[in-house]
Amino acid sequence: MLRVLFIEDDKEAIKTILDRIDQDERDIERSECDFHEAEEKIWALRPDIVVLDLFEGALLRENDRGSDLLGLIWEKQFFPVVVHTALPEALEGYENPFVHVLKKGIESSETVLEAIRSLEPHVRSLKEVDKHIRESFAFALRDVAPFAYETFEEAKQRNDAILRGGRRRLAALMDEHPGTDQVLASWEQYICPPLSQDMLLGDILRKTDKEGADPSLFRVVLSPSCDLVSSGGREPKVREILVAKCCSTKRGIEFLGWGNMNTRKLKDRLDSVLSRGYSEALVPLPALRGRVPTMMANLRELELIPFGDVGCESDRFLRVASLDSPFRELISWAYIQASGRPGLPDRDLTFWREEIVADFQS
């Protein structure tokens, strides 16, 4: 059964679609309320989809809570939303496959129903994720709670310990390998937008002075995360952030000397590099649609960026994504390999090779 909540002050505006559902859509359980009841209904019903009115005529209603409710859904109770509005062009910032924006009109009942049906697969996916997270969190609390009660007598200390321990254990459970029949999509190594308040090694930065997805606009943070902490009133240990410049995959392949390879040989080389995670000083980074282009980080083409130059769109660099663990650690390891290798003089490697072969065969 698909639970759909209609939030609308003008009941006549949704009468047609409600009648249609009651008559023909037996697998939809619908409810309706006005804006004053909406927040309570959202928390109580936990609907699968919300159909939300925002505008009437050309003006935002006085005391209209539609925008606030959309924010509540987006930040606290995430589920698909059909925004049914007179001015769809006025709604910005919610470009997402889980939000359908429809223009109100005489024939809009059919389009609302079509939007609800198109969101059913999204609902199923969210239910699967929600079930997995709830089961994992219950599992985490079961194992953590006894230690908290054995260690602390004060209720607040117990609660804080259960929360901290439960979150850490939940994170570890979420990172557990999903199974031999499942592999990560390349873009899943990103956390976007970044969750940490502080900058981290492996963060992806983009210059803000130009538009587009030119890889040369991007940087990867190489400074250790512990040196970048600035939350909680703390001062970062560095004034400048060490970053690696990025380049296009074409330039990276030419840098590696693979530009003249045939397609089959190039694919074989790339399979090896992608499996290892880096080659020489280059780390390939996958595309994240709308945020990060396919590119490579060059760990020998470095730059120092003043700490204050990274922030919002008005700053020189914007923090657009973080690399998740263990890909963050891969960047650190690859940089150590690229920068820590001692410089060696030219040697007669051919003679040395032949010497080894002769010794082996003797």
Protein backbone atom coordinates (compact mmCIF):
# COMPACT_ATOMS: atom_id res chain seq x y z
CA MET A 1 0.00 0.00 0.00
CA LEU A 2 1.37 3.41 -1.01
CA ARG A 3 0.72 6.10 1.63
CA VAL A 4 0.24 9.55 0.08
CA LEU A 5 -0.36 12.73 2.11
CA PHE A 6 -1.89 15.77 0.37
CA ILE A 7 -1.10 19.10 2.06
CA GLU A 8 -3.43 21.78 0.73
CA ASP A 9 -5.50 24.57 2.29
CA ASP A 10 -7.99 24.69 -0.59
CA LYS A 11 -9.70 21.26 -0.46
CA GLU A 12 -11.58 21.97 -3.71
CA ALA A 13 -8.25 22.16 -5.53
CA ILE A 14 -7.51 18.49 -4.81
CA LYS A 15 -11.06 17.07 -4.79
CA THR A 16 -10.78 15.66 -8.32
CA ILE A 17 -7.54 13.79 -7.68
CA LEU A 18 -8.79 12.47 -4.31
CA ASP A 19 -12.00 11.18 -5.90
CA ARG A 20 -9.98 9.55 -8.66
CA ILE A 21 -7.78 7.76 -6.12
CA ASP A 22 -10.78 6.62 -4.06
CA GLN A 23 -12.49 5.18 -7.12
CA ASP A 24 -9.64 3.70 -9.17
CA GLU A 25 -6.42 3.43 -7.16
CA ARG A 26 -7.02 0.73 -4.57
CA ASP A 27 -3.33 0.40 -3.71
CA ILE A 28 -3.02 4.07 -2.64
CA GLU A 29 -3.91 5.02 0.92
CA ARG A 30 -4.41 8.78 0.81
CA SER A 31 -4.73 11.39 3.56
CA GLU A 32 -5.09 15.13 3.42
CA CYS A 33 -4.59 18.07 5.76
CA ASP A 34 -4.00 21.81 5.74
CA PHE A 35 -0.76 23.57 6.59
CA HIS A 36 -1.57 23.96 10.28
CA GLU A 37 -1.84 20.18 10.76
CA ALA A 38 0.89 19.26 8.28
CA GLU A 39 3.96 18.92 10.50
CA GLU A 40 2.12 16.75 13.04
CA LYS A 41 0.70 14.59 10.22
CA ILE A 42 4.11 14.13 8.61
CA TRP A 43 5.64 12.85 11.84
CA ALA A 44 2.64 10.70 12.75
CA LEU A 45 1.86 9.13 9.36
CA ARG A 46 5.38 8.84 7.89
CA PRO A 47 3.88 8.95 4.38
CA ASP A 48 5.63 7.46 1.38
CA ILE A 49 4.94 10.52 -0.79
CA VAL A 50 3.74 14.05 -0.03
CA VAL A 51 1.81 16.17 -2.53
CA LEU A 52 2.44 19.75 -1.40
CA ASP A 53 0.90 23.06 -2.48
CA LEU A 54 3.15 26.12 -2.36
CA PHE A 55 1.53 28.94 -4.31
CA GLU A 56 -1.87 30.38 -5.04
CA GLY A 57 -2.20 32.70 -8.02
CA ALA A 58 0.86 34.85 -8.56
CA LEU A 59 1.69 35.52 -4.92
CA LEU A 60 3.03 33.42 -2.09
CA ARG A 61 0.25 33.09 0.42
CA GLU A 62 0.46 35.13 3.57
CA ASN A 63 1.36 32.71 6.39
CA ASP A 64 1.97 30.00 3.79
CA ARG A 65 4.11 27.27 5.38
CA GLY A 66 4.65 25.28 2.20
CA SER A 67 8.29 26.25 1.79
CA ASP A 68 8.99 25.55 5.48
CA LEU A 69 7.36 22.13 5.17
CA LEU A 70 9.41 21.30 2.10
CA GLY A 71 12.53 22.19 4.08
CA LEU A 72 11.36 20.00 6.98
CA ILE A 73 10.82 17.05 4.64
CA TRP A 74 14.15 17.63 2.93
CA GLU A 75 16.18 17.87 6.13
CA LYS A 76 14.32 15.78 8.74
CA GLN A 77 11.91 13.34 7.11
CA PHE A 78 13.25 12.66 3.63
CA PHE A 79 10.81 11.12 1.17
CA PRO A 80 9.59 11.93 -2.36
CA VAL A 81 7.55 15.10 -2.83
CA VAL A 82 5.24 16.27 -5.61
CA VAL A 83 5.11 20.06 -5.46
CA HIS A 84 1.80 21.20 -6.95
CA THR A 85 2.24 24.91 -7.58
CA ALA A 86 0.97 27.75 -9.71
CA LEU A 87 4.51 29.02 -10.24
CA PRO A 88 6.86 26.05 -10.78
CA GLU A 89 9.58 28.35 -12.12
CA ALA A 90 9.78 30.08 -8.72
CA LEU A 91 10.93 26.93 -6.94
CA GLU A 92 14.72 26.69 -6.90
CA GLY A 93 17.21 24.55 -5.02
CA TYR A 94 15.31 21.26 -5.16
CA GLU A 95 16.52 19.85 -8.49
CA ASN A 96 16.35 16.22 -7.53
CA PRO A 97 14.76 13.01 -8.87
CA PHE A 98 12.86 12.73 -5.57
CA VAL A 99 11.07 16.05 -6.16
CA HIS A 100 8.58 16.54 -9.00
CA VAL A 101 7.38 20.09 -9.59
CA LEU A 102 4.03 20.34 -11.41
CA LYS A 103 2.05 23.37 -12.53
CA LYS A 104 -1.47 23.65 -11.24
CA GLY A 105 -4.24 23.59 -13.81
CA ILE A 106 -7.60 22.13 -14.79
CA GLU A 107 -6.03 18.90 -16.10
CA SER A 108 -3.30 18.63 -13.46
CA SER A 109 -4.98 15.78 -11.54
CA GLU A 110 -3.77 13.27 -14.11
CA THR A 111 -0.21 14.61 -14.06
CA VAL A 112 -0.15 14.45 -10.24
CA LEU A 113 -1.19 10.80 -10.35
CA GLU A 114 1.43 10.07 -13.01
CA ALA A 115 4.07 11.72 -10.82
CA ILE A 116 3.00 9.61 -7.82
CA ARG A 117 3.29 6.44 -9.90
CA SER A 118 6.69 7.45 -11.27
CA LEU A 119 7.97 7.87 -7.71
CA GLU A 120 6.98 4.35 -6.60
CA PRO A 121 10.41 2.84 -7.41
CA HIS A 122 12.03 5.62 -5.35
CA VAL A 123 9.73 4.75 -2.44
CA ARG A 124 10.72 1.09 -2.60
CA SER A 125 14.42 1.98 -2.63
CA LEU A 126 14.04 4.28 0.38
CA LYS A 127 12.12 1.62 2.31
CA GLU A 128 14.89 -0.90 1.71
CA VAL A 129 17.53 1.56 2.89
CA ASP A 130 15.46 2.58 5.93
CA LYS A 131 14.92 -1.08 6.89
CA HIS A 132 18.64 -1.84 6.60
CA ILE A 133 19.68 1.19 8.66
CA ARG A 134 17.10 0.53 11.40
CA GLU A 135 18.14 -3.12 11.70
CA SER A 136 21.83 -2.18 11.77
CA PHE A 137 21.26 0.50 14.41
CA ALA A 138 19.28 -1.93 16.58
CA PHE A 139 22.15 -4.40 16.23
CA ALA A 140 24.65 -1.68 17.18
CA LEU A 141 22.68 -0.55 20.25
CA ARG A 142 22.24 -4.14 21.45
CA ASP A 143 26.01 -4.56 21.66
CA VAL A 144 26.91 -1.08 22.91
CA ALA A 145 24.27 -0.47 25.59
CA PRO A 146 25.49 -3.11 28.10
CA PHE A 147 28.99 -1.55 28.20
CA ALA A 148 27.50 1.90 28.85
CA TYR A 149 25.42 0.59 31.77
CA GLU A 150 28.39 -1.30 33.23
CA THR A 151 30.65 1.77 32.97
CA PHE A 152 28.43 4.69 34.01
CA GLU A 153 25.88 5.17 36.78
CA GLU A 154 24.64 8.60 35.70
CA ALA A 155 21.85 8.52 33.09
CA LYS A 156 23.26 11.33 30.93
CA GLN A 157 26.67 9.68 30.75
CA ARG A 158 25.05 6.39 29.77
CA ASN A 159 22.91 8.05 27.11
CA ASP A 160 25.85 9.97 25.65
CA ALA A 161 28.00 6.83 25.59
CA ILE A 162 25.25 4.78 23.91
CA LEU A 163 24.77 7.49 21.30
CA ARG A 164 28.50 7.82 20.58
CA GLY A 165 29.16 4.11 20.58
CA GLY A 166 26.02 3.30 18.62
CA ARG A 167 26.93 5.82 15.93
CA ARG A 168 30.48 4.51 15.58
CA ARG A 169 29.32 0.92 15.42
CA LEU A 170 26.57 1.82 12.96
CA ALA A 171 29.15 3.53 10.73
CA ALA A 172 31.32 0.42 10.88
CA LEU A 173 28.35 -1.80 9.99
CA MET A 174 27.47 0.48 7.08
CA ASP A 175 31.05 0.11 5.77
CA GLU A 176 30.89 -3.67 5.90
CA HIS A 177 31.41 -5.30 2.49
CA PRO A 178 27.98 -5.70 0.86
CA GLY A 179 28.73 -9.17 -0.53
CA THR A 180 30.41 -10.81 -3.47
CA ASP A 181 27.51 -10.08 -5.83
CA GLN A 182 27.64 -6.31 -5.24
CA VAL A 183 30.28 -3.80 -6.25
CA LEU A 184 30.43 -0.05 -5.68
CA ALA A 185 29.71 2.34 -8.51
CA SER A 186 32.79 4.47 -9.17
CA TRP A 187 31.10 7.67 -7.86
CA GLU A 188 30.22 6.03 -4.52
CA GLN A 189 33.69 6.84 -3.25
CA TYR A 190 32.53 10.47 -2.87
CA ILE A 191 30.64 12.00 0.04
CA CYS A 192 28.69 14.85 -1.50
CA PRO A 193 28.08 17.31 -0.08
CA PRO A 194 30.85 16.86 2.53
CA LEU A 195 29.55 15.88 5.98
CA SER A 196 32.47 16.98 8.15
CA GLN A 197 32.54 20.59 9.34
CA ASP A 198 36.31 20.48 8.97
CA MET A 199 38.29 20.07 5.81
CA LEU A 200 39.80 16.62 5.31
CA LEU A 201 42.61 15.05 3.38
CA GLY A 202 41.02 13.88 0.13
CA ASP A 203 38.51 16.73 -0.11
CA ILE A 204 37.73 17.87 -3.65
CA LEU A 205 37.96 21.64 -4.20
CA ARG A 206 36.86 23.64 -7.24
CA LYS A 207 37.88 27.13 -8.29
CA THR A 208 34.90 29.46 -8.26
CA ASP A 209 36.09 32.05 -10.78
CA LYS A 210 35.04 30.00 -13.82
CA GLU A 211 32.02 27.97 -14.84
CA GLY A 212 32.00 24.47 -16.29
CA ALA A 213 33.59 21.13 -15.55
CA ASP A 214 37.17 21.74 -16.65
CA PRO A 215 39.34 19.31 -14.61
CA SER A 216 42.04 22.00 -14.28
CA LEU A 217 39.67 23.92 -11.97
CA PHE A 218 39.80 21.13 -9.38
CA ARG A 219 42.19 20.34 -6.55
CA VAL A 220 42.56 17.44 -4.09
CA VAL A 221 43.55 18.23 -0.50
CA LEU A 222 46.80 16.52 0.62
CA SER A 223 47.33 18.18 4.02
CA PRO A 224 46.65 15.79 6.93
CA SER A 225 43.11 16.07 8.32
CA CYS A 226 44.40 16.65 11.85
CA ASP A 227 46.12 19.86 10.70
CA LEU A 228 42.91 21.24 9.19
CA VAL A 229 40.55 21.14 12.19
CA SER A 230 38.93 24.55 12.68
CA SER A 231 35.61 23.70 14.39
CA GLY A 232 34.87 24.09 18.09
CA GLY A 233 36.86 27.30 18.33
CA ARG A 234 40.12 25.56 17.38
CA GLU A 235 42.72 27.07 15.09
CA PRO A 236 44.03 24.96 12.21
CA LYS A 237 47.69 23.99 12.51
CA VAL A 238 48.45 25.27 9.02
CA ARG A 239 47.83 28.58 7.29
CA GLU A 240 48.05 27.06 3.84
CA ILE A 241 46.54 23.86 2.46
CA LEU A 242 48.67 21.57 0.30
CA VAL A 243 46.68 20.41 -2.73
CA ALA A 244 47.27 18.43 -5.90
CA LYS A 245 46.16 19.94 -9.18
CA CYS A 246 43.89 17.90 -11.41
CA CYS A 247 44.03 17.32 -15.13
CA SER A 248 41.92 15.70 -17.83
CA THR A 249 42.20 11.95 -18.34
CA LYS A 250 43.58 12.63 -21.83
CA ARG A 251 46.42 14.70 -20.40
CA GLY A 252 47.00 12.11 -17.70
CA ILE A 253 47.24 9.26 -20.21
CA GLU A 254 49.71 11.29 -22.25
CA PHE A 255 51.69 12.02 -19.05
CA LEU A 256 52.00 8.27 -18.50
CA GLY A 257 53.23 7.78 -22.06
CA TRP A 258 50.21 5.74 -23.13
CA GLY A 259 48.89 8.12 -25.76
CA ASN A 260 49.87 5.96 -28.76
CA MET A 261 48.56 2.65 -27.40
CA ASN A 262 45.79 0.81 -29.20
CA THR A 263 42.44 0.68 -27.41
CA ARG A 264 42.80 -2.88 -26.14
CA LYS A 265 46.24 -2.30 -24.62
CA LEU A 266 45.10 1.01 -23.12
CA LYS A 267 42.12 -0.71 -21.48
CA ASP A 268 44.43 -3.39 -20.02
CA ARG A 269 46.69 -0.71 -18.54
CA LEU A 270 43.72 1.21 -17.15
CA ASP A 271 42.29 -1.96 -15.58
CA SER A 272 45.56 -2.35 -13.68
CA VAL A 273 45.68 1.31 -12.62
CA LEU A 274 42.03 1.46 -11.52
CA SER A 275 42.45 -1.74 -9.52
CA ARG A 276 45.56 -0.42 -7.76
CA GLY A 277 44.08 3.06 -7.42
CA TYR A 278 46.99 5.07 -8.84
CA SER A 279 49.91 4.95 -11.26
CA GLU A 280 53.15 6.80 -10.58
CA ALA A 281 51.94 10.23 -9.45
CA LEU A 282 48.46 10.11 -10.96
CA VAL A 283 45.26 9.15 -9.14
CA PRO A 284 42.20 8.67 -11.39
CA LEU A 285 39.00 10.19 -10.01
CA PRO A 286 35.53 9.25 -11.34
CA ALA A 287 32.82 11.63 -12.43
CA LEU A 288 30.11 12.70 -10.01
CA ARG A 289 27.35 14.01 -12.21
CA GLY A 290 26.94 17.75 -11.96
CA ARG A 291 29.76 18.12 -9.42
CA VAL A 292 33.02 16.45 -10.46
CA PRO A 293 34.25 15.57 -13.97
CA THR A 294 36.23 12.47 -14.88
CA MET A 295 39.79 13.53 -14.14
CA MET A 296 43.16 12.64 -12.60
CA ALA A 297 44.95 14.20 -9.62
CA ASN A 298 48.65 14.82 -10.29
CA LEU A 299 50.49 14.33 -7.00
CA ARG A 300 53.61 15.99 -8.38
CA GLU A 301 51.84 19.14 -9.52
CA LEU A 302 51.19 20.82 -6.19
CA GLU A 303 49.88 24.13 -4.92
CA LEU A 304 49.52 25.88 -1.56
CA ILE A 305 46.13 27.55 -0.97
CA PRO A 306 45.61 30.01 1.92
CA PHE A 307 43.20 28.47 4.42
CA GLY A 308 40.79 31.39 4.13
CA ASP A 309 40.47 30.95 0.36
CA VAL A 310 38.29 27.83 0.76
CA GLY A 311 34.65 28.21 1.70
CA CYS A 312 31.53 29.29 -0.18
CA GLU A 313 30.87 30.48 -3.73
CA SER A 314 32.25 33.93 -2.88
CA ASP A 315 35.65 32.47 -1.94
CA ARG A 316 38.40 31.41 -4.33
CA PHE A 317 37.75 27.69 -3.84
CA LEU A 318 34.59 25.76 -3.00
CA ARG A 319 34.65 22.42 -1.17
CA VAL A 320 32.43 20.27 -3.39
CA ALA A 321 32.96 16.69 -2.13
CA SER A 322 34.98 14.46 0.18
CA LEU A 323 36.57 11.14 -0.62
CA ASP A 324 35.23 8.44 1.67
CA SER A 325 37.41 5.93 3.49
CA PRO A 326 39.41 3.95 2.32
CA PHE A 327 39.78 6.11 -0.81
CA ARG A 328 40.97 8.99 1.39
CA GLU A 329 43.73 6.74 2.71
CA LEU A 330 44.60 5.79 -0.87
CA ILE A 331 45.33 9.45 -1.66
CA SER A 332 47.63 9.65 1.36
CA TRP A 333 49.44 6.43 0.43
CA ALA A 334 49.81 7.43 -3.23
CA TYR A 335 51.21 10.83 -2.22
CA ILE A 336 53.76 9.21 0.09
CA GLN A 337 54.82 6.95 -2.77
CA ALA A 338 55.06 9.86 -5.20
CA SER A 339 56.84 12.31 -2.91
CA GLY A 340 58.78 10.03 -0.59
CA ARG A 341 60.64 7.98 -3.20
CA PRO A 342 64.35 8.91 -3.02
CA GLY A 343 65.90 10.35 -6.15
CA LEU A 344 68.33 7.87 -7.67
CA PRO A 345 71.09 8.40 -10.25
CA ASP A 346 70.88 6.86 -13.72
CA ARG A 347 72.07 3.27 -13.74
CA ASP A 348 72.75 0.59 -16.33
CA LEU A 349 69.57 -1.34 -15.65
CA THR A 350 70.00 -3.57 -18.71
CA PHE A 351 73.29 -4.95 -17.41
CA TRP A 352 71.78 -5.39 -13.95
CA ARG A 353 68.78 -7.24 -15.38
CA GLU A 354 71.00 -9.60 -17.38
CA GLU A 355 73.11 -10.20 -14.28
CA ILE A 356 70.00 -11.22 -12.28
CA VAL A 357 68.76 -13.50 -15.08
CA ALA A 358 72.15 -15.19 -15.41
CA ASP A 359 72.35 -15.72 -11.65
CA PHE A 360 68.86 -17.19 -11.61
CA GLN A 361 69.63 -19.59 -14.46
CA SER A 362 72.98 -20.77 -13.10
